[in-house]
N, C-alpha and C. Protein backbone atom coordinates (compact mmCIF):
# COMPACT_ATOMS: atom_id res chain seq x y z
N MET A 1 81.32 -74.03 -102.92
CA MET A 1 80.60 -73.07 -103.72
C MET A 1 79.15 -72.93 -103.31
N SER A 2 78.80 -73.45 -102.16
CA SER A 2 77.41 -73.40 -101.73
C SER A 2 76.91 -71.98 -101.52
N THR A 3 77.80 -71.02 -101.30
CA THR A 3 77.36 -69.65 -101.12
C THR A 3 76.80 -69.06 -102.41
N LEU A 4 77.13 -69.65 -103.54
CA LEU A 4 76.63 -69.14 -104.82
C LEU A 4 75.41 -69.90 -105.34
N LYS A 5 74.92 -70.86 -104.55
CA LYS A 5 73.79 -71.66 -105.02
C LYS A 5 72.63 -70.78 -105.47
N GLY A 6 72.29 -69.80 -104.69
CA GLY A 6 71.19 -68.93 -105.03
C GLY A 6 71.51 -67.94 -106.12
N ALA A 7 72.76 -67.90 -106.57
CA ALA A 7 73.17 -66.95 -107.59
C ALA A 7 72.92 -67.45 -109.01
N ARG A 8 72.67 -68.74 -109.18
CA ARG A 8 72.51 -69.28 -110.54
C ARG A 8 71.48 -68.53 -111.38
N PRO A 9 70.28 -68.22 -110.86
CA PRO A 9 69.31 -67.50 -111.70
C PRO A 9 69.83 -66.14 -112.16
N TYR A 10 70.60 -65.48 -111.31
CA TYR A 10 71.15 -64.17 -111.66
C TYR A 10 72.21 -64.30 -112.75
N PHE A 11 73.04 -65.33 -112.65
CA PHE A 11 74.05 -65.58 -113.68
C PHE A 11 73.38 -65.92 -115.01
N VAL A 12 72.34 -66.73 -114.97
CA VAL A 12 71.62 -67.11 -116.20
C VAL A 12 71.06 -65.86 -116.88
N ARG A 13 70.41 -64.99 -116.09
CA ARG A 13 69.85 -63.76 -116.67
C ARG A 13 70.94 -62.86 -117.23
N ALA A 14 72.05 -62.71 -116.50
CA ALA A 14 73.14 -61.83 -116.94
C ALA A 14 73.78 -62.34 -118.23
N ILE A 15 74.07 -63.63 -118.28
CA ILE A 15 74.70 -64.18 -119.49
C ILE A 15 73.73 -64.10 -120.66
N TYR A 16 72.45 -64.37 -120.42
CA TYR A 16 71.45 -64.27 -121.49
C TYR A 16 71.45 -62.86 -122.07
N GLU A 17 71.36 -61.85 -121.22
CA GLU A 17 71.35 -60.47 -121.72
C GLU A 17 72.64 -60.11 -122.44
N TRP A 18 73.76 -60.56 -121.91
CA TRP A 18 75.06 -60.29 -122.54
C TRP A 18 75.11 -60.91 -123.94
N LEU A 19 74.63 -62.14 -124.08
CA LEU A 19 74.66 -62.81 -125.38
C LEU A 19 73.72 -62.13 -126.37
N VAL A 20 72.52 -61.79 -125.93
CA VAL A 20 71.56 -61.14 -126.81
C VAL A 20 72.07 -59.76 -127.24
N ASP A 21 72.63 -59.01 -126.28
CA ASP A 21 73.19 -57.69 -126.60
C ASP A 21 74.32 -57.79 -127.62
N ALA A 22 75.06 -58.90 -127.59
CA ALA A 22 76.17 -59.11 -128.52
C ALA A 22 75.71 -59.75 -129.83
N SER A 23 74.39 -59.87 -130.02
CA SER A 23 73.80 -60.49 -131.22
C SER A 23 74.25 -61.93 -131.41
N LEU A 24 74.43 -62.64 -130.28
CA LEU A 24 74.77 -64.06 -130.31
C LEU A 24 73.53 -64.88 -129.98
N THR A 25 73.56 -66.16 -130.28
CA THR A 25 72.43 -67.05 -130.04
C THR A 25 72.61 -67.76 -128.71
N PRO A 26 71.77 -67.45 -127.70
CA PRO A 26 71.92 -68.11 -126.41
C PRO A 26 71.36 -69.54 -126.44
N TYR A 27 72.19 -70.47 -126.02
CA TYR A 27 71.79 -71.87 -125.89
C TYR A 27 71.76 -72.22 -124.41
N LEU A 28 70.75 -72.96 -124.02
CA LEU A 28 70.60 -73.40 -122.65
C LEU A 28 70.83 -74.91 -122.61
N LEU A 29 71.83 -75.36 -121.85
CA LEU A 29 72.10 -76.78 -121.68
C LEU A 29 71.33 -77.26 -120.46
N VAL A 30 70.51 -78.31 -120.65
CA VAL A 30 69.56 -78.75 -119.63
C VAL A 30 69.76 -80.22 -119.28
N ASP A 31 69.68 -80.53 -117.99
CA ASP A 31 69.61 -81.90 -117.51
C ASP A 31 68.15 -82.33 -117.68
N ALA A 32 67.87 -83.09 -118.72
CA ALA A 32 66.49 -83.44 -119.07
C ALA A 32 65.87 -84.44 -118.11
N GLN A 33 66.67 -85.04 -117.23
CA GLN A 33 66.14 -86.02 -116.29
C GLN A 33 65.81 -85.40 -114.94
N TRP A 34 66.04 -84.10 -114.79
CA TRP A 34 65.77 -83.42 -113.53
C TRP A 34 64.27 -83.42 -113.27
N PRO A 35 63.85 -83.70 -112.04
CA PRO A 35 62.41 -83.69 -111.74
C PRO A 35 61.78 -82.33 -112.02
N GLY A 36 60.61 -82.35 -112.62
CA GLY A 36 59.88 -81.13 -112.89
C GLY A 36 60.15 -80.51 -114.25
N THR A 37 61.09 -81.07 -115.02
CA THR A 37 61.34 -80.51 -116.35
C THR A 37 60.22 -80.92 -117.29
N GLU A 38 59.84 -79.99 -118.13
CA GLU A 38 58.86 -80.26 -119.17
C GLU A 38 59.52 -79.90 -120.49
N LEU A 39 59.94 -80.95 -121.21
CA LEU A 39 60.72 -80.80 -122.43
C LEU A 39 60.23 -81.77 -123.50
N PRO A 40 60.58 -81.51 -124.75
CA PRO A 40 60.27 -82.49 -125.80
C PRO A 40 61.22 -83.69 -125.65
N GLN A 41 60.74 -84.76 -125.04
CA GLN A 41 61.58 -85.90 -124.70
C GLN A 41 62.18 -86.60 -125.93
N ASP A 42 61.55 -86.47 -127.07
CA ASP A 42 62.08 -87.12 -128.27
C ASP A 42 63.37 -86.46 -128.77
N LEU A 43 63.71 -85.28 -128.25
CA LEU A 43 64.94 -84.60 -128.65
C LEU A 43 66.08 -84.76 -127.64
N VAL A 44 65.82 -85.43 -126.54
CA VAL A 44 66.82 -85.61 -125.48
C VAL A 44 67.87 -86.62 -125.93
N GLU A 45 69.15 -86.27 -125.72
CA GLU A 45 70.26 -87.17 -126.02
C GLU A 45 71.15 -87.28 -124.80
N ASP A 46 71.42 -88.50 -124.37
CA ASP A 46 72.27 -88.76 -123.20
C ASP A 46 71.78 -88.02 -121.96
N GLY A 47 70.48 -87.87 -121.82
CA GLY A 47 69.91 -87.23 -120.65
C GLY A 47 70.00 -85.72 -120.64
N ARG A 48 70.46 -85.15 -121.75
CA ARG A 48 70.60 -83.70 -121.84
C ARG A 48 69.91 -83.17 -123.09
N LEU A 49 69.61 -81.88 -123.04
CA LEU A 49 68.99 -81.22 -124.18
C LEU A 49 69.53 -79.81 -124.27
N VAL A 50 69.81 -79.37 -125.47
CA VAL A 50 70.25 -77.99 -125.71
C VAL A 50 69.07 -77.25 -126.33
N LEU A 51 68.69 -76.14 -125.68
CA LEU A 51 67.57 -75.34 -126.16
C LEU A 51 68.05 -73.99 -126.68
N ASN A 52 67.60 -73.61 -127.86
CA ASN A 52 67.89 -72.31 -128.43
C ASN A 52 66.88 -71.33 -127.84
N ILE A 53 67.35 -70.36 -127.05
CA ILE A 53 66.43 -69.42 -126.41
C ILE A 53 66.60 -68.00 -126.94
N VAL A 54 67.02 -67.88 -128.20
CA VAL A 54 67.10 -66.57 -128.83
C VAL A 54 65.68 -65.98 -128.86
N PRO A 55 65.52 -64.68 -128.66
CA PRO A 55 64.18 -64.09 -128.59
C PRO A 55 63.26 -64.43 -129.77
N SER A 56 63.81 -64.58 -130.96
CA SER A 56 62.96 -64.87 -132.11
C SER A 56 62.49 -66.33 -132.14
N ALA A 57 63.07 -67.21 -131.31
CA ALA A 57 62.70 -68.63 -131.31
C ALA A 57 61.74 -69.00 -130.19
N VAL A 58 61.57 -68.11 -129.21
CA VAL A 58 60.72 -68.44 -128.06
C VAL A 58 59.68 -67.36 -127.84
N ARG A 59 58.66 -67.72 -127.07
CA ARG A 59 57.63 -66.75 -126.68
C ARG A 59 57.50 -66.78 -125.17
N ASP A 60 57.19 -65.63 -124.62
CA ASP A 60 56.91 -65.51 -123.18
C ASP A 60 58.04 -66.07 -122.31
N LEU A 61 59.27 -65.74 -122.65
CA LEU A 61 60.43 -66.22 -121.89
C LEU A 61 60.44 -65.60 -120.50
N VAL A 62 60.57 -66.47 -119.49
CA VAL A 62 60.70 -66.03 -118.10
C VAL A 62 61.96 -66.68 -117.55
N LEU A 63 62.93 -65.86 -117.19
CA LEU A 63 64.14 -66.34 -116.54
C LEU A 63 63.98 -66.07 -115.05
N GLY A 64 63.21 -66.92 -114.40
CA GLY A 64 62.86 -66.71 -113.01
C GLY A 64 63.89 -67.26 -112.04
N ASN A 65 63.63 -67.05 -110.76
CA ASN A 65 64.53 -67.55 -109.73
C ASN A 65 64.41 -69.06 -109.53
N GLU A 66 63.25 -69.61 -109.82
CA GLU A 66 63.02 -71.04 -109.62
C GLU A 66 63.13 -71.85 -110.91
N ALA A 67 62.83 -71.22 -112.06
CA ALA A 67 62.81 -71.96 -113.32
C ALA A 67 62.92 -71.02 -114.51
N VAL A 68 63.30 -71.61 -115.63
CA VAL A 68 63.26 -70.93 -116.93
C VAL A 68 62.02 -71.50 -117.64
N MET A 69 61.16 -70.61 -118.11
CA MET A 69 59.92 -71.04 -118.76
C MET A 69 59.70 -70.26 -120.05
N PHE A 70 59.18 -70.93 -121.04
CA PHE A 70 58.83 -70.29 -122.30
C PHE A 70 58.01 -71.24 -123.14
N SER A 71 57.48 -70.75 -124.24
CA SER A 71 56.83 -71.63 -125.20
C SER A 71 57.58 -71.52 -126.52
N ALA A 72 57.61 -72.64 -127.21
CA ALA A 72 58.31 -72.70 -128.49
C ALA A 72 57.70 -73.83 -129.32
N ARG A 73 58.10 -73.86 -130.58
CA ARG A 73 57.62 -74.92 -131.47
C ARG A 73 58.75 -75.91 -131.69
N PHE A 74 58.38 -77.19 -131.62
CA PHE A 74 59.32 -78.28 -131.87
C PHE A 74 58.68 -79.17 -132.91
N ALA A 75 59.31 -79.26 -134.08
CA ALA A 75 58.77 -80.01 -135.22
C ALA A 75 57.35 -79.54 -135.53
N GLY A 76 57.14 -78.21 -135.41
CA GLY A 76 55.86 -77.63 -135.74
C GLY A 76 54.82 -77.68 -134.63
N ARG A 77 55.13 -78.39 -133.55
CA ARG A 77 54.18 -78.51 -132.43
C ARG A 77 54.52 -77.49 -131.35
N PRO A 78 53.55 -76.68 -130.92
CA PRO A 78 53.81 -75.75 -129.82
C PRO A 78 53.94 -76.52 -128.50
N MET A 79 54.82 -76.06 -127.64
CA MET A 79 55.02 -76.72 -126.36
C MET A 79 55.45 -75.71 -125.31
N ALA A 80 54.92 -75.87 -124.10
CA ALA A 80 55.35 -75.06 -122.96
C ALA A 80 56.54 -75.76 -122.32
N ILE A 81 57.63 -75.04 -122.18
CA ILE A 81 58.87 -75.58 -121.62
C ILE A 81 59.05 -75.08 -120.20
N VAL A 82 59.40 -75.99 -119.30
CA VAL A 82 59.72 -75.62 -117.92
C VAL A 82 61.05 -76.29 -117.57
N VAL A 83 62.01 -75.47 -117.17
CA VAL A 83 63.33 -75.97 -116.77
C VAL A 83 63.62 -75.46 -115.37
N PRO A 84 63.47 -76.31 -114.34
CA PRO A 84 63.83 -75.87 -112.99
C PRO A 84 65.29 -75.41 -112.97
N MET A 85 65.60 -74.43 -112.13
CA MET A 85 66.94 -73.86 -112.12
C MET A 85 68.01 -74.90 -111.86
N GLY A 86 67.71 -75.92 -111.09
CA GLY A 86 68.68 -76.99 -110.84
C GLY A 86 69.02 -77.79 -112.08
N ALA A 87 68.13 -77.78 -113.07
CA ALA A 87 68.36 -78.52 -114.31
C ALA A 87 69.19 -77.75 -115.31
N VAL A 88 69.41 -76.45 -115.06
CA VAL A 88 70.21 -75.63 -115.97
C VAL A 88 71.68 -75.95 -115.74
N LEU A 89 72.32 -76.55 -116.73
CA LEU A 89 73.73 -76.91 -116.62
C LEU A 89 74.64 -75.86 -117.25
N GLY A 90 74.07 -75.00 -118.10
CA GLY A 90 74.89 -73.96 -118.71
C GLY A 90 74.08 -73.09 -119.64
N ILE A 91 74.64 -71.93 -119.90
CA ILE A 91 74.08 -71.01 -120.90
C ILE A 91 75.28 -70.46 -121.66
N TYR A 92 75.22 -70.59 -123.00
CA TYR A 92 76.39 -70.22 -123.80
C TYR A 92 75.97 -69.80 -125.20
N ALA A 93 76.92 -69.20 -125.92
CA ALA A 93 76.66 -68.75 -127.29
C ALA A 93 76.87 -69.88 -128.28
N LYS A 94 75.93 -70.04 -129.18
CA LYS A 94 76.05 -71.05 -130.24
C LYS A 94 77.29 -70.78 -131.09
N GLU A 95 77.54 -69.51 -131.36
CA GLU A 95 78.58 -69.14 -132.32
C GLU A 95 80.01 -69.41 -131.83
N ASN A 96 80.27 -69.19 -130.55
CA ASN A 96 81.66 -69.31 -130.08
C ASN A 96 81.82 -70.07 -128.76
N GLY A 97 80.73 -70.52 -128.16
CA GLY A 97 80.81 -71.29 -126.93
C GLY A 97 81.01 -70.47 -125.67
N ASP A 98 81.12 -69.13 -125.81
CA ASP A 98 81.28 -68.28 -124.63
C ASP A 98 80.02 -68.36 -123.77
N GLY A 99 80.21 -68.43 -122.48
CA GLY A 99 79.07 -68.48 -121.57
C GLY A 99 79.51 -68.96 -120.21
N LEU A 100 78.60 -69.65 -119.55
CA LEU A 100 78.85 -70.10 -118.19
C LEU A 100 78.22 -71.47 -118.00
N PHE A 101 78.98 -72.37 -117.36
CA PHE A 101 78.48 -73.71 -117.07
C PHE A 101 78.47 -73.90 -115.56
N PHE A 102 77.53 -74.71 -115.07
CA PHE A 102 77.32 -74.87 -113.64
C PHE A 102 77.56 -76.30 -113.21
N GLU A 103 77.96 -76.46 -111.96
CA GLU A 103 78.11 -77.78 -111.36
C GLU A 103 76.70 -78.32 -111.10
N SER A 104 76.46 -79.54 -111.49
CA SER A 104 75.12 -80.10 -111.26
C SER A 104 74.89 -80.36 -109.78
N SER A 105 75.95 -80.45 -108.99
CA SER A 105 75.81 -80.76 -107.57
C SER A 105 75.39 -79.55 -106.73
N GLU A 106 75.33 -78.36 -107.32
CA GLU A 106 74.94 -77.18 -106.55
C GLU A 106 73.51 -77.28 -106.06
N TYR A 107 72.66 -77.91 -106.82
CA TYR A 107 71.25 -78.07 -106.46
C TYR A 107 71.00 -79.56 -106.25
N SER A 108 70.03 -79.86 -105.43
CA SER A 108 69.60 -81.25 -105.32
C SER A 108 68.11 -81.27 -105.63
N PRO A 109 67.67 -82.29 -106.34
CA PRO A 109 66.24 -82.34 -106.69
C PRO A 109 65.40 -82.36 -105.43
N GLU A 110 64.33 -81.57 -105.45
CA GLU A 110 63.42 -81.53 -104.31
C GLU A 110 62.40 -82.65 -104.47
N PRO A 111 62.05 -83.30 -103.36
CA PRO A 111 61.04 -84.36 -103.45
C PRO A 111 59.68 -83.76 -103.81
N PRO A 112 58.85 -84.54 -104.48
CA PRO A 112 57.50 -84.06 -104.78
C PRO A 112 56.79 -83.66 -103.49
N PRO A 113 55.88 -82.68 -103.56
CA PRO A 113 55.24 -82.16 -102.35
C PRO A 113 54.44 -83.20 -101.57
N ASN A 114 54.00 -84.29 -102.16
CA ASN A 114 53.18 -85.29 -101.48
C ASN A 114 53.99 -86.39 -100.83
N ASP A 115 55.32 -86.26 -100.75
CA ASP A 115 56.16 -87.30 -100.16
C ASP A 115 56.19 -87.26 -98.63
N LYS A 116 55.59 -86.23 -98.02
CA LYS A 116 55.62 -86.11 -96.56
C LYS A 116 54.57 -87.01 -95.94
N PRO A 117 54.89 -87.59 -94.79
CA PRO A 117 53.85 -88.35 -94.08
C PRO A 117 52.72 -87.42 -93.66
N ALA A 118 51.53 -87.97 -93.48
CA ALA A 118 50.34 -87.17 -93.18
C ALA A 118 50.52 -86.35 -91.91
N GLY A 119 51.21 -86.88 -90.90
CA GLY A 119 51.42 -86.15 -89.66
C GLY A 119 52.22 -84.88 -89.88
N ASP A 120 53.22 -84.93 -90.74
CA ASP A 120 54.04 -83.75 -91.03
C ASP A 120 53.22 -82.66 -91.69
N VAL A 121 52.34 -83.03 -92.61
CA VAL A 121 51.50 -82.05 -93.29
C VAL A 121 50.58 -81.38 -92.29
N ALA A 122 49.98 -82.17 -91.39
CA ALA A 122 49.07 -81.61 -90.38
C ALA A 122 49.82 -80.65 -89.46
N SER A 123 51.04 -81.02 -89.04
CA SER A 123 51.79 -80.13 -88.14
C SER A 123 52.19 -78.85 -88.87
N GLU A 124 52.49 -78.95 -90.16
CA GLU A 124 52.81 -77.74 -90.94
C GLU A 124 51.61 -76.82 -91.00
N ARG A 125 50.43 -77.37 -91.21
CA ARG A 125 49.21 -76.55 -91.26
C ARG A 125 48.99 -75.85 -89.92
N ASN A 126 49.19 -76.57 -88.81
CA ASN A 126 49.00 -75.98 -87.50
C ASN A 126 50.00 -74.84 -87.27
N GLN A 127 51.25 -75.04 -87.67
CA GLN A 127 52.26 -74.00 -87.50
C GLN A 127 51.92 -72.79 -88.36
N THR A 128 51.43 -73.03 -89.57
CA THR A 128 51.06 -71.94 -90.46
C THR A 128 49.88 -71.17 -89.86
N ALA A 129 48.92 -71.89 -89.32
CA ALA A 129 47.75 -71.23 -88.73
C ALA A 129 48.18 -70.39 -87.52
N LYS A 130 49.12 -70.89 -86.72
CA LYS A 130 49.60 -70.14 -85.55
C LYS A 130 50.38 -68.91 -85.97
N ALA A 131 51.08 -68.98 -87.07
CA ALA A 131 51.95 -67.90 -87.50
C ALA A 131 51.20 -66.78 -88.23
N ARG A 132 49.96 -67.01 -88.59
CA ARG A 132 49.22 -66.00 -89.33
C ARG A 132 48.95 -64.78 -88.46
N PRO A 133 49.07 -63.61 -89.03
CA PRO A 133 48.74 -62.41 -88.25
C PRO A 133 47.24 -62.30 -88.04
N ALA A 134 46.88 -61.72 -86.92
CA ALA A 134 45.46 -61.57 -86.63
C ALA A 134 45.22 -60.11 -86.25
N LEU A 135 44.06 -59.61 -86.61
CA LEU A 135 43.68 -58.24 -86.25
C LEU A 135 42.77 -58.29 -85.03
N ARG A 136 43.01 -57.37 -84.12
CA ARG A 136 42.16 -57.26 -82.93
C ARG A 136 41.66 -55.83 -82.81
N VAL A 137 40.46 -55.68 -82.29
CA VAL A 137 39.92 -54.36 -82.06
C VAL A 137 40.44 -53.87 -80.70
N VAL A 138 41.10 -52.74 -80.70
CA VAL A 138 41.64 -52.15 -79.49
C VAL A 138 40.86 -50.89 -79.19
N LYS A 139 40.30 -50.81 -77.99
CA LYS A 139 39.50 -49.63 -77.63
C LYS A 139 40.26 -48.73 -76.70
């Protein structure tokens, strides 16, 4: 199923719109231990968290290609939520369970950006500098 790896964000957006159009409550099932997630850790159970992302419960919802982001209140406290796409395990309706669930193995956690040896970073900078377009005056 590796050909569909990049399709997860599109499926998440499609199912979200389908659920909202049907007046159902979209729930997002999240792997709370995935690197880069920003979640209310006190609500995590068994390494997972279910988030209610109905429009009336969240603000500034972004269903992006790399992550799902929004702000919401948890126990009265406002919090910015970030769920990398690899951490999304499913999106489904609270009322009847209809939705879509994903294999966690489709994505692999990316290492933090500072894990590269210094030589690799320097060579990347040199390659980037070489690849930049340059303007020349032609007479």
